[in-house]
């Protein structure tokens, strides 16, 4: 099969489009023919050796995909060849106490697709049957892969964790990212007022098209001060941050009394000095999340299939041009999701 193979950490020149062995299913494995693959910030971290988990080379990255089952192992009972599916990036063990109570996103013995195992930057990918989600009828592979991680992450952060409700105001950082563009839609579906931040004025119109009520350029504007003006000095009840660093501090300062903040990423700064006095005086709650369950993935994909949520696809690329997607990802000069297409593009 063709794959993007990583043989060492470094720049985009390390992404080699070459032949790799096609995976063979074990007893309870399925092999998926990948029809669409997503590009994520964590991919660039893996490539550069910054993820915090070391890889064994050669390695194939990629945490999400959509396609149809090609072959199955003899112990597979839930799926058959031809089924339209997506692998879940949290490769849970299925037997630990957390998996047994339905929170496999905090599995005690997990693997991570594309990080600790070979991933989806390839024409085929292998996972155990307990780590597969069915795709709704009528949902295209591109839509599924563009929706899965962003919408499931946004849903977990805003709905499952922060408990965003009708009439509340939410601050969504980095609205031009895949998660940010998804979060605007999830928040509007929940009946919230949305204040979105973006890094350039060119992204204002797109954020508003998705439903943002107010948009702030964090590069040129004091975000907490502007939020307070927009909320009559009260602040927002909920904030979603996937950036970290200065943007996380903006979100904390913009929270109202009793505000809830969900943090799902930190590519803009992993270590932040926080004023804990503000935390306890304002009764702020900070929740770390970002690993959705399979049930959340199924729920958001059903909403996408019903037309209630719409993934934003910035551009599609052939698998052979994965290096271009990484350059674009690191430039932040995009809005929405980039999708790799592994077939018919060599």
C-alpha atoms as a PDB file:
ATOM      1  CA  UNK A   1       0.000   0.000   0.000  1.00  0.00           C
ATOM      2  CA  UNK A   2       0.978   3.644  -0.299  1.00  0.00           C
ATOM      3  CA  UNK A   3       1.570   5.606   2.896  1.00  0.00           C
ATOM      4  CA  UNK A   4       3.275   8.673   4.304  1.00  0.00           C
ATOM      5  CA  UNK A   5       6.155   7.141   6.219  1.00  0.00           C
ATOM      6  CA  UNK A   6       8.123   8.951   8.905  1.00  0.00           C
ATOM      7  CA  UNK A   7      11.660   7.634   9.468  1.00  0.00           C
ATOM      8  CA  UNK A   8      12.913  10.374  11.793  1.00  0.00           C
ATOM      9  CA  UNK A   9      11.701  13.548  13.511  1.00  0.00           C
ATOM     10  CA  UNK A  10      12.081  16.889  11.802  1.00  0.00           C
ATOM     11  CA  UNK A  11      10.593  19.131   9.152  1.00  0.00           C
ATOM     12  CA  UNK A  12       8.104  18.353   6.419  1.00  0.00           C
ATOM     13  CA  UNK A  13      10.905  16.775   4.360  1.00  0.00           C
ATOM     14  CA  UNK A  14      10.594  13.774   6.689  1.00  0.00           C
ATOM     15  CA  UNK A  15       7.158  12.946   5.258  1.00  0.00           C
ATOM     16  CA  UNK A  16       7.924  10.337   2.581  1.00  0.00           C
ATOM     17  CA  UNK A  17       5.262   9.026   0.212  1.00  0.00           C
ATOM     18  CA  UNK A  18       6.291   5.414  -0.342  1.00  0.00           C
ATOM     19  CA  UNK A  19       5.287   1.774  -0.242  1.00  0.00           C
ATOM     20  CA  UNK A  20       4.566   0.213   3.152  1.00  0.00           C
ATOM     21  CA  UNK A  21       3.318  -3.236   4.180  1.00  0.00           C
ATOM     22  CA  UNK A  22      -0.465  -3.586   4.122  1.00  0.00           C
ATOM     23  CA  UNK A  23      -1.772  -4.483   7.594  1.00  0.00           C
ATOM     24  CA  UNK A  24      -3.213  -7.952   8.171  1.00  0.00           C
ATOM     25  CA  UNK A  25      -6.053  -8.402  10.679  1.00  0.00           C
ATOM     26  CA  UNK A  26      -5.492 -10.211  13.954  1.00  0.00           C
ATOM     27  CA  UNK A  27      -8.182 -12.226  15.701  1.00  0.00           C
ATOM     28  CA  UNK A  28     -10.512  -9.281  16.546  1.00  0.00           C
ATOM     29  CA  UNK A  29      -9.137  -6.683  14.133  1.00  0.00           C
ATOM     30  CA  UNK A  30     -10.663  -4.956  11.135  1.00  0.00           C
ATOM     31  CA  UNK A  31      -8.638  -3.511   8.267  1.00  0.00           C
ATOM     32  CA  UNK A  32     -10.189  -0.330   6.877  1.00  0.00           C
ATOM     33  CA  UNK A  33      -9.625   0.963   3.349  1.00  0.00           C
ATOM     34  CA  UNK A  34      -9.183   4.665   4.119  1.00  0.00           C
ATOM     35  CA  UNK A  35     -11.124   6.890   1.748  1.00  0.00           C
ATOM     36  CA  UNK A  36     -10.409  10.160   3.598  1.00  0.00           C
ATOM     37  CA  UNK A  37      -7.887  11.120   6.263  1.00  0.00           C
ATOM     38  CA  UNK A  38      -7.864  14.187   8.493  1.00  0.00           C
ATOM     39  CA  UNK A  39      -4.912  16.475   9.199  1.00  0.00           C
ATOM     40  CA  UNK A  40      -4.534  17.596  12.820  1.00  0.00           C
ATOM     41  CA  UNK A  41      -2.206  19.773  14.873  1.00  0.00           C
ATOM     42  CA  UNK A  42      -1.078  16.705  16.787  1.00  0.00           C
ATOM     43  CA  UNK A  43       0.291  15.280  13.516  1.00  0.00           C
ATOM     44  CA  UNK A  44       2.785  18.122  13.271  1.00  0.00           C
ATOM     45  CA  UNK A  45       3.790  17.512  16.898  1.00  0.00           C
ATOM     46  CA  UNK A  46       4.381  13.824  16.188  1.00  0.00           C
ATOM     47  CA  UNK A  47       6.437  14.679  13.107  1.00  0.00           C
ATOM     48  CA  UNK A  48       8.609  17.083  15.098  1.00  0.00           C
ATOM     49  CA  UNK A  49       8.983  14.785  18.109  1.00  0.00           C
ATOM     50  CA  UNK A  50       7.033  17.127  20.378  1.00  0.00           C
ATOM     51  CA  UNK A  51       3.996  15.007  21.232  1.00  0.00           C
ATOM     52  CA  UNK A  52       5.508  13.660  24.446  1.00  0.00           C
ATOM     53  CA  UNK A  53       5.304  10.043  23.290  1.00  0.00           C
ATOM     54  CA  UNK A  54       8.242   8.617  21.372  1.00  0.00           C
ATOM     55  CA  UNK A  55       7.593   6.693  18.150  1.00  0.00           C
ATOM     56  CA  UNK A  56       9.402   3.665  16.763  1.00  0.00           C
ATOM     57  CA  UNK A  57      10.503   4.197  13.181  1.00  0.00           C
ATOM     58  CA  UNK A  58       9.356   3.696  10.542  1.00  0.00           C
ATOM     59  CA  UNK A  59       6.071   5.251  11.649  1.00  0.00           C
ATOM     60  CA  UNK A  60       2.793   6.199   9.952  1.00  0.00           C
ATOM     61  CA  UNK A  61       0.950   9.054  11.669  1.00  0.00           C
ATOM     62  CA  UNK A  62      -2.692  10.131  11.372  1.00  0.00           C
ATOM     63  CA  UNK A  63      -5.386   9.918  14.063  1.00  0.00           C
ATOM     64  CA  UNK A  64      -8.618   9.921  12.071  1.00  0.00           C
ATOM     65  CA  UNK A  65     -10.047   8.518   8.864  1.00  0.00           C
ATOM     66  CA  UNK A  66     -13.191   7.225   7.216  1.00  0.00           C
ATOM     67  CA  UNK A  67     -13.645   4.371   4.796  1.00  0.00           C
ATOM     68  CA  UNK A  68     -15.011   0.861   4.437  1.00  0.00           C
ATOM     69  CA  UNK A  69     -13.921  -2.395   5.998  1.00  0.00           C
ATOM     70  CA  UNK A  70     -11.680  -4.403   3.688  1.00  0.00           C
ATOM     71  CA  UNK A  71     -10.981  -7.537   5.760  1.00  0.00           C
ATOM     72  CA  UNK A  72     -11.802  -8.820   9.247  1.00  0.00           C
ATOM     73  CA  UNK A  73     -10.242 -11.226  11.734  1.00  0.00           C
ATOM     74  CA  UNK A  74     -11.948 -14.506  12.697  1.00  0.00           C
ATOM     75  CA  UNK A  75     -13.140 -13.093  16.023  1.00  0.00           C
ATOM     76  CA  UNK A  76     -14.937 -10.077  14.558  1.00  0.00           C
ATOM     77  CA  UNK A  77     -18.702 -10.316  15.057  1.00  0.00           C
ATOM     78  CA  UNK A  78     -19.920  -6.717  14.875  1.00  0.00           C
ATOM     79  CA  UNK A  79     -18.709  -5.748  11.394  1.00  0.00           C
ATOM     80  CA  UNK A  80     -18.339  -7.220   7.923  1.00  0.00           C
ATOM     81  CA  UNK A  81     -16.400  -6.268   4.780  1.00  0.00           C
ATOM     82  CA  UNK A  82     -17.980  -3.297   3.035  1.00  0.00           C
ATOM     83  CA  UNK A  83     -19.312  -1.637   6.189  1.00  0.00           C
ATOM     84  CA  UNK A  84     -18.767   2.143   6.170  1.00  0.00           C
ATOM     85  CA  UNK A  85     -16.862   3.047   9.320  1.00  0.00           C
ATOM     86  CA  UNK A  86     -14.396   5.337  11.047  1.00  0.00           C
ATOM     87  CA  UNK A  87     -11.710   4.288  13.535  1.00  0.00           C
ATOM     88  CA  UNK A  88     -11.827   5.999  16.916  1.00  0.00           C
ATOM     89  CA  UNK A  89      -8.444   7.558  17.677  1.00  0.00           C
ATOM     90  CA  UNK A  90      -8.537   6.521  21.342  1.00  0.00           C
ATOM     91  CA  UNK A  91      -7.688   2.848  21.039  1.00  0.00           C
ATOM     92  CA  UNK A  92      -9.213   1.672  24.292  1.00  0.00           C
ATOM     93  CA  UNK A  93      -8.565  -1.745  25.809  1.00  0.00           C
ATOM     94  CA  UNK A  94     -12.281  -2.407  26.268  1.00  0.00           C
ATOM     95  CA  UNK A  95     -11.848  -4.259  29.561  1.00  0.00           C
ATOM     96  CA  UNK A  96     -10.550  -1.835  32.212  1.00  0.00           C
ATOM     97  CA  UNK A  97     -12.959  -0.309  34.735  1.00  0.00           C
ATOM     98  CA  UNK A  98     -13.221   2.972  32.810  1.00  0.00           C
ATOM     99  CA  UNK A  99     -13.984   1.211  29.526  1.00  0.00           C
ATOM    100  CA  UNK A 100     -16.579  -0.926  31.277  1.00  0.00           C
ATOM    101  CA  UNK A 101     -18.431   2.146  32.544  1.00  0.00           C
ATOM    102  CA  UNK A 102     -18.499   3.811  29.133  1.00  0.00           C
ATOM    103  CA  UNK A 103     -15.686   6.324  29.502  1.00  0.00           C
ATOM    104  CA  UNK A 104     -13.170   4.652  27.212  1.00  0.00           C
ATOM    105  CA  UNK A 105     -11.716   8.111  26.520  1.00  0.00           C
ATOM    106  CA  UNK A 106      -9.913   7.735  29.865  1.00  0.00           C
ATOM    107  CA  UNK A 107      -9.026   4.072  29.334  1.00  0.00           C
ATOM    108  CA  UNK A 108      -6.356   2.913  31.777  1.00  0.00           C
ATOM    109  CA  UNK A 109      -4.393   1.008  29.100  1.00  0.00           C
ATOM    110  CA  UNK A 110      -4.904   2.954  25.864  1.00  0.00           C
ATOM    111  CA  UNK A 111      -3.089   3.273  22.604  1.00  0.00           C
ATOM    112  CA  UNK A 112      -3.485   6.321  20.363  1.00  0.00           C
ATOM    113  CA  UNK A 113      -4.008   5.857  16.660  1.00  0.00           C
ATOM    114  CA  UNK A 114      -1.169   7.415  14.682  1.00  0.00           C
ATOM    115  CA  UNK A 115       0.859   8.028  17.829  1.00  0.00           C
ATOM    116  CA  UNK A 116       1.560   4.704  19.540  1.00  0.00           C
ATOM    117  CA  UNK A 117       0.370   2.617  16.582  1.00  0.00           C
ATOM    118  CA  UNK A 118       0.488   3.090  12.822  1.00  0.00           C
ATOM    119  CA  UNK A 119      -2.186   5.543  11.792  1.00  0.00           C
ATOM    120  CA  UNK A 120      -4.274   6.778   8.921  1.00  0.00           C
ATOM    121  CA  UNK A 121      -1.823   8.509   6.548  1.00  0.00           C
ATOM    122  CA  UNK A 122      -2.105   5.330   4.486  1.00  0.00           C
ATOM    123  CA  UNK A 123      -4.411   3.461   2.142  1.00  0.00           C
ATOM    124  CA  UNK A 124      -5.258   0.937   4.873  1.00  0.00           C
ATOM    125  CA  UNK A 125      -5.380   1.061   8.667  1.00  0.00           C
ATOM    126  CA  UNK A 126      -5.925  -1.694  11.248  1.00  0.00           C
ATOM    127  CA  UNK A 127      -7.792  -1.376  14.581  1.00  0.00           C
ATOM    128  CA  UNK A 128      -9.646  -3.705  16.947  1.00  0.00           C
ATOM    129  CA  UNK A 129     -13.388  -3.971  16.386  1.00  0.00           C
ATOM    130  CA  UNK A 130     -14.163  -2.252  19.729  1.00  0.00           C
ATOM    131  CA  UNK A 131     -12.526   0.919  18.377  1.00  0.00           C
ATOM    132  CA  UNK A 132     -14.735   1.371  15.310  1.00  0.00           C
ATOM    133  CA  UNK A 133     -17.738   3.657  14.757  1.00  0.00           C
ATOM    134  CA  UNK A 134     -20.330   3.106  12.043  1.00  0.00           C
ATOM    135  CA  UNK A 135     -21.003   5.950   9.620  1.00  0.00           C
ATOM    136  CA  UNK A 136     -24.606   7.116   9.106  1.00  0.00           C
ATOM    137  CA  UNK A 137     -26.154   6.524   5.707  1.00  0.00           C
ATOM    138  CA  UNK A 138     -25.794   9.513   3.412  1.00  0.00           C
ATOM    139  CA  UNK A 139     -22.691  10.865   5.127  1.00  0.00           C
ATOM    140  CA  UNK A 140     -19.725  11.136   2.756  1.00  0.00           C
ATOM    141  CA  UNK A 141     -16.271   9.957   3.790  1.00  0.00           C
ATOM    142  CA  UNK A 142     -14.899  13.508   3.506  1.00  0.00           C
ATOM    143  CA  UNK A 143     -17.685  14.864   5.712  1.00  0.00           C
ATOM    144  CA  UNK A 144     -17.167  12.098   8.255  1.00  0.00           C
ATOM    145  CA  UNK A 145     -13.452  12.656   8.627  1.00  0.00           C
ATOM    146  CA  UNK A 146     -13.824  16.440   8.609  1.00  0.00           C
ATOM    147  CA  UNK A 147     -16.442  16.190  11.350  1.00  0.00           C
ATOM    148  CA  UNK A 148     -15.312  13.404  13.635  1.00  0.00           C
ATOM    149  CA  UNK A 149     -12.485  14.870  15.728  1.00  0.00           C
ATOM    150  CA  UNK A 150     -13.524  18.564  15.637  1.00  0.00           C
ATOM    151  CA  UNK A 151     -17.212  18.100  16.421  1.00  0.00           C
ATOM    152  CA  UNK A 152     -16.692  15.303  18.936  1.00  0.00           C
ATOM    153  CA  UNK A 153     -14.025  17.352  20.733  1.00  0.00           C
ATOM    154  CA  UNK A 154     -16.184  20.476  20.730  1.00  0.00           C
ATOM    155  CA  UNK A 155     -19.215  18.508  21.915  1.00  0.00           C
ATOM    156  CA  UNK A 156     -17.288  16.888  24.749  1.00  0.00           C
ATOM    157  CA  UNK A 157     -15.829  20.234  25.866  1.00  0.00           C
ATOM    158  CA  UNK A 158     -18.949  22.376  25.577  1.00  0.00           C
ATOM    159  CA  UNK A 159     -21.830  19.979  26.212  1.00  0.00           C
ATOM    160  CA  UNK A 160     -20.539  16.968  28.163  1.00  0.00           C
ATOM    161  CA  UNK A 161     -17.980  18.758  30.341  1.00  0.00           C
ATOM    162  CA  UNK A 162     -18.807  22.488  30.556  1.00  0.00           C
ATOM    163  CA  UNK A 163     -22.586  21.841  30.444  1.00  0.00           C
ATOM    164  CA  UNK A 164     -23.325  24.791  28.152  1.00  0.00           C
ATOM    165  CA  UNK A 165     -27.037  25.634  28.261  1.00  0.00           C
ATOM    166  CA  UNK A 166     -29.579  27.777  26.414  1.00  0.00           C
ATOM    167  CA  UNK A 167     -29.092  31.519  26.931  1.00  0.00           C
ATOM    168  CA  UNK A 168     -25.508  31.352  28.154  1.00  0.00           C
ATOM    169  CA  UNK A 169     -22.642  33.200  26.466  1.00  0.00           C
ATOM    170  CA  UNK A 170     -19.565  31.258  25.399  1.00  0.00           C
ATOM    171  CA  UNK A 171     -16.103  32.406  24.301  1.00  0.00           C
ATOM    172  CA  UNK A 172     -14.553  30.186  21.627  1.00  0.00           C
ATOM    173  CA  UNK A 173     -10.869  30.710  20.952  1.00  0.00           C
ATOM    174  CA  UNK A 174      -9.242  30.065  17.558  1.00  0.00           C
ATOM    175  CA  UNK A 175     -12.530  29.922  15.658  1.00  0.00           C
ATOM    176  CA  UNK A 176     -10.691  29.353  12.379  1.00  0.00           C
ATOM    177  CA  UNK A 177      -9.403  25.958  13.493  1.00  0.00           C
ATOM    178  CA  UNK A 178     -11.231  22.717  12.866  1.00  0.00           C
ATOM    179  CA  UNK A 179     -12.366  22.500  16.489  1.00  0.00           C
ATOM    180  CA  UNK A 180     -13.159  26.211  16.645  1.00  0.00           C
ATOM    181  CA  UNK A 181     -15.335  26.168  13.533  1.00  0.00           C
ATOM    182  CA  UNK A 182     -17.122  23.102  14.902  1.00  0.00           C
ATOM    183  CA  UNK A 183     -17.536  24.630  18.360  1.00  0.00           C
ATOM    184  CA  UNK A 184     -19.372  27.679  17.006  1.00  0.00           C
ATOM    185  CA  UNK A 185     -21.987  25.395  15.481  1.00  0.00           C
ATOM    186  CA  UNK A 186     -22.277  23.171  18.570  1.00  0.00           C
ATOM    187  CA  UNK A 187     -22.737  26.226  20.787  1.00  0.00           C
ATOM    188  CA  UNK A 188     -25.422  27.704  18.524  1.00  0.00           C
ATOM    189  CA  UNK A 189     -27.210  24.346  18.410  1.00  0.00           C
ATOM    190  CA  UNK A 190     -27.227  24.459  22.227  1.00  0.00           C
ATOM    191  CA  UNK A 191     -28.874  27.903  22.125  1.00  0.00           C
ATOM    192  CA  UNK A 192     -25.887  29.915  23.339  1.00  0.00           C
ATOM    193  CA  UNK A 193     -24.587  33.331  22.363  1.00  0.00           C
ATOM    194  CA  UNK A 194     -21.147  32.946  20.766  1.00  0.00           C
ATOM    195  CA  UNK A 195     -18.167  35.285  21.023  1.00  0.00           C
ATOM    196  CA  UNK A 196     -15.397  33.928  18.788  1.00  0.00           C
ATOM    197  CA  UNK A 197     -11.745  34.905  18.531  1.00  0.00           C
ATOM    198  CA  UNK A 198      -9.676  34.704  15.351  1.00  0.00           C
ATOM    199  CA  UNK A 199      -6.118  35.636  14.422  1.00  0.00           C
ATOM    200  CA  UNK A 200      -6.866  37.802  11.397  1.00  0.00           C
ATOM    201  CA  UNK A 201      -9.620  40.084  10.119  1.00  0.00           C
ATOM    202  CA  UNK A 202      -9.950  37.887   7.013  1.00  0.00           C
ATOM    203  CA  UNK A 203     -11.604  35.213   9.172  1.00  0.00           C
ATOM    204  CA  UNK A 204     -14.330  37.473  10.576  1.00  0.00           C
ATOM    205  CA  UNK A 205     -16.896  36.807   7.856  1.00  0.00           C
ATOM    206  CA  UNK A 206     -16.428  33.031   7.934  1.00  0.00           C
ATOM    207  CA  UNK A 207     -16.867  32.915  11.710  1.00  0.00           C
ATOM    208  CA  UNK A 208     -20.078  34.928  11.421  1.00  0.00           C
ATOM    209  CA  UNK A 209     -21.346  32.662   8.641  1.00  0.00           C
ATOM    210  CA  UNK A 210     -21.054  29.734  11.042  1.00  0.00           C
ATOM    211  CA  UNK A 211     -23.137  31.566  13.631  1.00  0.00           C
ATOM    212  CA  UNK A 212     -20.744  33.641  15.748  1.00  0.00           C
ATOM    213  CA  UNK A 213     -22.611  36.614  17.232  1.00  0.00           C
ATOM    214  CA  UNK A 214     -19.421  38.582  17.896  1.00  0.00           C
ATOM    215  CA  UNK A 215     -15.898  38.133  16.554  1.00  0.00           C
ATOM    216  CA  UNK A 216     -12.654  39.471  18.079  1.00  0.00           C
ATOM    217  CA  UNK A 217      -9.190  39.590  16.507  1.00  0.00           C
ATOM    218  CA  UNK A 218      -6.963  38.416  19.357  1.00  0.00           C
ATOM    219  CA  UNK A 219      -3.854  39.656  17.509  1.00  0.00           C
ATOM    220  CA  UNK A 220      -4.929  43.313  17.614  1.00  0.00           C
ATOM    221  CA  UNK A 221      -7.559  43.526  20.366  1.00  0.00           C
ATOM    222  CA  UNK A 222      -7.633  43.086  24.129  1.00  0.00           C
ATOM    223  CA  UNK A 223      -9.905  40.038  24.339  1.00  0.00           C
ATOM    224  CA  UNK A 224     -10.940  40.167  28.040  1.00  0.00           C
ATOM    225  CA  UNK A 225     -11.640  43.896  27.882  1.00  0.00           C
ATOM    226  CA  UNK A 226     -13.731  43.506  24.725  1.00  0.00           C
ATOM    227  CA  UNK A 227     -15.626  40.545  26.174  1.00  0.00           C
ATOM    228  CA  UNK A 228     -16.495  42.546  29.263  1.00  0.00           C
ATOM    229  CA  UNK A 229     -17.815  45.363  27.062  1.00  0.00           C
ATOM    230  CA  UNK A 230     -19.928  42.877  25.088  1.00  0.00           C
ATOM    231  CA  UNK A 231     -21.377  41.319  28.258  1.00  0.00           C
ATOM    232  CA  UNK A 232     -22.045  44.475  30.297  1.00  0.00           C
ATOM    233  CA  UNK A 233     -19.090  43.755  32.538  1.00  0.00           C
ATOM    234  CA  UNK A 234     -20.251  40.255  33.486  1.00  0.00           C
ATOM    235  CA  UNK A 235     -18.033  38.010  31.360  1.00  0.00           C
ATOM    236  CA  UNK A 236     -18.910  34.694  29.713  1.00  0.00           C
ATOM    237  CA  UNK A 237     -20.336  31.669  31.490  1.00  0.00           C
ATOM    238  CA  UNK A 238     -18.293  29.216  29.397  1.00  0.00           C
ATOM    239  CA  UNK A 239     -15.028  29.358  27.451  1.00  0.00           C
ATOM    240  CA  UNK A 240     -13.466  26.780  25.136  1.00  0.00           C
ATOM    241  CA  UNK A 241      -9.731  27.001  24.521  1.00  0.00           C
ATOM    242  CA  UNK A 242      -7.593  24.823  22.280  1.00  0.00           C
ATOM    243  CA  UNK A 243      -4.554  27.119  22.118  1.00  0.00           C
ATOM    244  CA  UNK A 244      -3.084  27.541  25.596  1.00  0.00           C
ATOM    245  CA  UNK A 245      -0.551  30.255  26.364  1.00  0.00           C
ATOM    246  CA  UNK A 246      -1.830  33.834  26.160  1.00  0.00           C
ATOM    247  CA  UNK A 247      -5.154  32.710  24.696  1.00  0.00           C
ATOM    248  CA  UNK A 248      -5.846  30.546  27.745  1.00  0.00           C
ATOM    249  CA  UNK A 249      -5.128  33.520  30.012  1.00  0.00           C
ATOM    250  CA  UNK A 250      -7.514  35.637  27.907  1.00  0.00           C
ATOM    251  CA  UNK A 251     -10.230  33.028  28.380  1.00  0.00           C
ATOM    252  CA  UNK A 252      -9.741  32.890  32.145  1.00  0.00           C
ATOM    253  CA  UNK A 253      -9.861  36.682  32.444  1.00  0.00           C
ATOM    254  CA  UNK A 254     -13.032  36.793  30.313  1.00  0.00           C
ATOM    255  CA  UNK A 255     -14.971  34.349  32.512  1.00  0.00           C
ATOM    256  CA  UNK A 256     -17.887  35.449  34.639  1.00  0.00           C
ATOM    257  CA  UNK A 257     -18.371  34.581  38.295  1.00  0.00           C
ATOM    258  CA  UNK A 258     -18.766  30.808  38.435  1.00  0.00           C
ATOM    259  CA  UNK A 259     -17.515  30.471  34.861  1.00  0.00           C
ATOM    260  CA  UNK A 260     -16.449  27.128  33.362  1.00  0.00           C
ATOM    261  CA  UNK A 261     -13.481  26.706  31.041  1.00  0.00           C
ATOM    262  CA  UNK A 262     -12.820  23.607  28.936  1.00  0.00           C
ATOM    263  CA  UNK A 263      -9.239  23.226  27.714  1.00  0.00           C
ATOM    264  CA  UNK A 264      -8.669  20.823  24.816  1.00  0.00           C
ATOM    265  CA  UNK A 265      -5.219  21.831  23.532  1.00  0.00           C
ATOM    266  CA  UNK A 266      -2.118  23.913  24.115  1.00  0.00           C
ATOM    267  CA  UNK A 267      -0.202  24.352  20.862  1.00  0.00           C
ATOM    268  CA  UNK A 268       0.232  28.050  21.634  1.00  0.00           C
ATOM    269  CA  UNK A 269       1.842  27.437  25.023  1.00  0.00           C
ATOM    270  CA  UNK A 270       1.878  24.360  27.235  1.00  0.00           C
ATOM    271  CA  UNK A 271       2.997  26.011  30.461  1.00  0.00           C
ATOM    272  CA  UNK A 272       0.990  28.968  31.759  1.00  0.00           C
ATOM    273  CA  UNK A 273       1.366  31.056  34.918  1.00  0.00           C
ATOM    274  CA  UNK A 274      -2.149  31.344  36.398  1.00  0.00           C
ATOM    275  CA  UNK A 275      -3.330  33.685  39.151  1.00  0.00           C
ATOM    276  CA  UNK A 276      -5.072  31.236  41.475  1.00  0.00           C
ATOM    277  CA  UNK A 277      -6.550  34.071  43.550  1.00  0.00           C
ATOM    278  CA  UNK A 278      -8.715  34.981  40.562  1.00  0.00           C
ATOM    279  CA  UNK A 279      -9.678  31.319  40.283  1.00  0.00           C
ATOM    280  CA  UNK A 280     -11.054  30.876  43.770  1.00  0.00           C
ATOM    281  CA  UNK A 281     -12.486  34.376  44.137  1.00  0.00           C
ATOM    282  CA  UNK A 282     -14.482  34.001  40.907  1.00  0.00           C
ATOM    283  CA  UNK A 283     -15.313  30.320  41.572  1.00  0.00           C
ATOM    284  CA  UNK A 284     -13.857  29.365  38.200  1.00  0.00           C
ATOM    285  CA  UNK A 285     -13.825  25.732  37.069  1.00  0.00           C
ATOM    286  CA  UNK A 286     -11.122  24.529  34.656  1.00  0.00           C
ATOM    287  CA  UNK A 287     -11.738  21.217  32.909  1.00  0.00           C
ATOM    288  CA  UNK A 288      -9.161  19.343  30.883  1.00  0.00           C
ATOM    289  CA  UNK A 289     -10.693  17.246  28.087  1.00  0.00           C
ATOM    290  CA  UNK A 290     -10.334  16.543  24.384  1.00  0.00           C
ATOM    291  CA  UNK A 291     -10.696  12.772  24.143  1.00  0.00           C
ATOM    292  CA  UNK A 292     -14.250  12.030  23.132  1.00  0.00           C
ATOM    293  CA  UNK A 293     -16.052   8.719  23.536  1.00  0.00           C
ATOM    294  CA  UNK A 294     -17.380   6.632  20.662  1.00  0.00           C
ATOM    295  CA  UNK A 295     -20.932   7.514  21.727  1.00  0.00           C
ATOM    296  CA  UNK A 296     -20.155  11.226  21.302  1.00  0.00           C
ATOM    297  CA  UNK A 297     -18.654  10.549  17.856  1.00  0.00           C
ATOM    298  CA  UNK A 298     -21.790   8.638  16.822  1.00  0.00           C
ATOM    299  CA  UNK A 299     -24.006  11.444  18.112  1.00  0.00           C
ATOM    300  CA  UNK A 300     -22.247  14.245  16.248  1.00  0.00           C
ATOM    301  CA  UNK A 301     -21.960  12.254  13.014  1.00  0.00           C
ATOM    302  CA  UNK A 302     -25.715  11.658  13.152  1.00  0.00           C
ATOM    303  CA  UNK A 303     -26.256  15.408  13.556  1.00  0.00           C
ATOM    304  CA  UNK A 304     -23.999  16.056  10.556  1.00  0.00           C
ATOM    305  CA  UNK A 305     -25.908  13.490   8.495  1.00  0.00           C
ATOM    306  CA  UNK A 306     -29.163  15.247   9.483  1.00  0.00           C
ATOM    307  CA  UNK A 307     -27.776  18.604   8.346  1.00  0.00           C
ATOM    308  CA  UNK A 308     -27.799  20.137  11.839  1.00  0.00           C
ATOM    309  CA  UNK A 309     -24.006  20.468  11.901  1.00  0.00           C
ATOM    310  CA  UNK A 310     -21.781  21.088   8.872  1.00  0.00           C
ATOM    311  CA  UNK A 311     -18.032  20.418   8.793  1.00  0.00           C
ATOM    312  CA  UNK A 312     -15.909  23.124   7.207  1.00  0.00           C
ATOM    313  CA  UNK A 313     -13.491  21.663   4.677  1.00  0.00           C
ATOM    314  CA  UNK A 314     -10.785  24.148   3.745  1.00  0.00           C
ATOM    315  CA  UNK A 315      -9.139  22.050   1.057  1.00  0.00           C
ATOM    316  CA  UNK A 316      -8.608  18.476  -0.111  1.00  0.00           C
ATOM    317  CA  UNK A 317      -5.128  17.156  -0.918  1.00  0.00           C
ATOM    318  CA  UNK A 318      -3.813  13.900  -2.387  1.00  0.00           C
ATOM    319  CA  UNK A 319      -2.024  11.787   0.222  1.00  0.00           C
ATOM    320  CA  UNK A 320       1.263  12.317  -1.615  1.00  0.00           C
ATOM    321  CA  UNK A 321       1.086  16.025  -0.743  1.00  0.00           C
ATOM    322  CA  UNK A 322       0.836  15.614   3.017  1.00  0.00           C
ATOM    323  CA  UNK A 323       3.861  17.871   3.443  1.00  0.00           C
ATOM    324  CA  UNK A 324       1.848  20.761   1.972  1.00  0.00           C
ATOM    325  CA  UNK A 325      -0.856  20.269   4.566  1.00  0.00           C
ATOM    326  CA  UNK A 326       1.705  20.372   7.377  1.00  0.00           C
ATOM    327  CA  UNK A 327       3.172  23.616   6.057  1.00  0.00           C
ATOM    328  CA  UNK A 328      -0.307  25.098   5.911  1.00  0.00           C
ATOM    329  CA  UNK A 329      -1.197  23.800   9.371  1.00  0.00           C
ATOM    330  CA  UNK A 330       1.866  25.436  10.885  1.00  0.00           C
ATOM    331  CA  UNK A 331       1.214  28.721   9.057  1.00  0.00           C
ATOM    332  CA  UNK A 332      -2.338  28.872  10.542  1.00  0.00           C
ATOM    333  CA  UNK A 333      -3.403  30.423   7.236  1.00  0.00           C
ATOM    334  CA  UNK A 334      -6.547  28.334   6.834  1.00  0.00           C
ATOM    335  CA  UNK A 335     -10.121  28.088   8.103  1.00  0.00           C
ATOM    336  CA  UNK A 336     -11.622  24.680   8.855  1.00  0.00           C
ATOM    337  CA  UNK A 337     -10.264  21.224   8.062  1.00  0.00           C
ATOM    338  CA  UNK A 338      -7.785  19.794   5.582  1.00  0.00           C
ATOM    339  CA  UNK A 339      -8.536  16.351   4.180  1.00  0.00           C
ATOM    340  CA  UNK A 340      -6.110  13.880   2.619  1.00  0.00           C
ATOM    341  CA  UNK A 341      -7.383  11.511  -0.060  1.00  0.00           C
ATOM    342  CA  UNK A 342      -5.363   8.253  -0.178  1.00  0.00           C
ATOM    343  CA  UNK A 343      -6.786   6.720  -3.388  1.00  0.00           C
ATOM    344  CA  UNK A 344      -6.540   7.734  -7.019  1.00  0.00           C
ATOM    345  CA  UNK A 345      -4.114  10.546  -6.229  1.00  0.00           C
ATOM    346  CA  UNK A 346      -0.677   8.991  -6.679  1.00  0.00           C
END
